[in-house]
Protein backbone atom coordinates (compact mmCIF):
# COMPACT_ATOMS: atom_id res chain seq x y z
CA MET A 1 62.69 134.85 -100.57
CA VAL A 2 59.39 133.30 -99.89
CA TYR A 3 55.89 134.08 -101.78
CA LEU A 4 52.55 133.24 -101.44
CA ALA A 5 51.46 131.75 -104.38
CA ARG A 6 48.77 129.76 -106.41
CA SER A 7 49.50 126.44 -107.42
CA VAL A 8 49.77 126.02 -111.18
CA LYS A 9 48.36 122.45 -110.92
CA GLU A 10 45.57 123.16 -108.45
CA PRO A 11 44.78 126.76 -109.28
CA HIS A 12 42.50 127.33 -106.03
CA THR A 13 45.29 125.95 -103.93
CA GLU A 14 47.79 128.49 -101.91
CA VAL A 15 51.44 127.45 -101.82
CA ALA A 16 54.57 128.81 -100.60
CA LEU A 17 57.32 129.80 -103.29
CA LYS A 18 60.67 129.63 -101.82
CA VAL A 19 62.90 131.40 -104.59
CA LEU A 20 66.46 132.12 -104.56
CA LYS A 21 66.95 135.65 -105.88
CA LYS A 22 68.84 136.22 -109.30
CA LYS A 23 71.45 138.25 -107.53
CA TYR A 24 72.58 135.23 -105.58
CA MET A 25 72.89 133.08 -108.54
CA LYS A 26 76.49 133.50 -108.85
CA ASN A 27 77.03 132.32 -105.01
CA ASP A 28 78.05 128.69 -105.59
CA GLU A 29 78.06 128.29 -101.92
CA LEU A 30 74.54 129.45 -101.53
CA ILE A 31 73.55 127.34 -104.75
CA TYR A 32 74.92 124.21 -103.00
CA PHE A 33 72.85 124.87 -99.56
CA VAL A 34 69.78 125.33 -101.69
CA LYS A 35 70.35 122.17 -103.51
CA GLN A 36 70.92 120.44 -100.42
CA GLU A 37 67.95 121.73 -98.90
CA MET A 38 65.97 120.36 -101.80
CA GLN A 39 67.44 116.92 -101.36
CA ILE A 40 66.83 116.70 -97.57
CA HIS A 41 63.39 117.97 -97.72
CA SER A 42 62.36 115.65 -100.32
CA MET A 43 63.11 112.79 -97.90
CA LEU A 44 61.45 114.07 -95.27
CA SER A 45 57.74 113.20 -94.32
CA HIS A 46 56.22 114.19 -90.92
CA GLN A 47 52.96 115.74 -89.76
CA ASN A 48 54.62 118.46 -88.23
CA ILE A 49 56.85 119.39 -91.35
CA VAL A 50 55.43 120.97 -94.53
CA ARG A 51 55.21 119.03 -97.63
CA MET A 52 57.40 119.90 -100.47
CA LEU A 53 55.06 119.74 -103.56
CA ASP A 54 57.78 120.70 -106.11
CA LYS A 55 61.26 121.80 -106.82
CA GLY A 56 63.24 123.13 -109.55
CA GLU A 57 66.31 124.98 -110.95
CA ASN A 58 66.56 127.12 -114.05
CA GLY A 59 62.56 126.99 -114.21
CA LYS A 60 60.26 129.90 -115.13
CA ILE A 61 57.78 131.13 -112.80
CA LYS A 62 54.64 133.49 -113.98
CA LYS A 63 54.23 136.81 -111.86
CA PRO A 64 50.51 138.13 -111.56
CA ASN A 65 51.16 140.81 -113.92
CA GLY A 66 52.03 138.11 -116.68
CA SER A 67 55.48 138.65 -116.79
CA GLU A 68 57.94 135.76 -116.19
CA VAL A 69 61.13 135.22 -114.10
CA ASP A 70 63.62 132.79 -115.26
CA ASP A 71 66.85 130.87 -114.51
CA LEU A 72 66.10 130.57 -110.72
CA TYR A 73 66.05 127.83 -108.08
CA TYR A 74 62.78 127.15 -106.28
CA ILE A 75 60.92 125.17 -103.78
CA VAL A 76 57.32 125.14 -103.65
CA LEU A 77 55.96 124.08 -100.34
CA GLU A 78 52.54 123.34 -98.77
CA TYR A 79 51.18 126.52 -97.57
CA VAL A 80 49.95 126.50 -93.77
CA PRO A 81 48.50 129.90 -92.67
């Protein structure tokens, strides 16, 4: 799932937040592909590829309503409208 979000580090900056849904957290094959994507994307640098700003696993993300979602894999990418 990909969300439009605000950066915690730069509150006025919009980012694309790619999150592995909790219902897929027990799918080892899917987790492998997500980790592989994180690793590959961190090595890429090209003007036609969005930059990866952050990545993580077992992180916490704060929703607009104030609640938190934890135990997830996520990738934060620059947002290009």
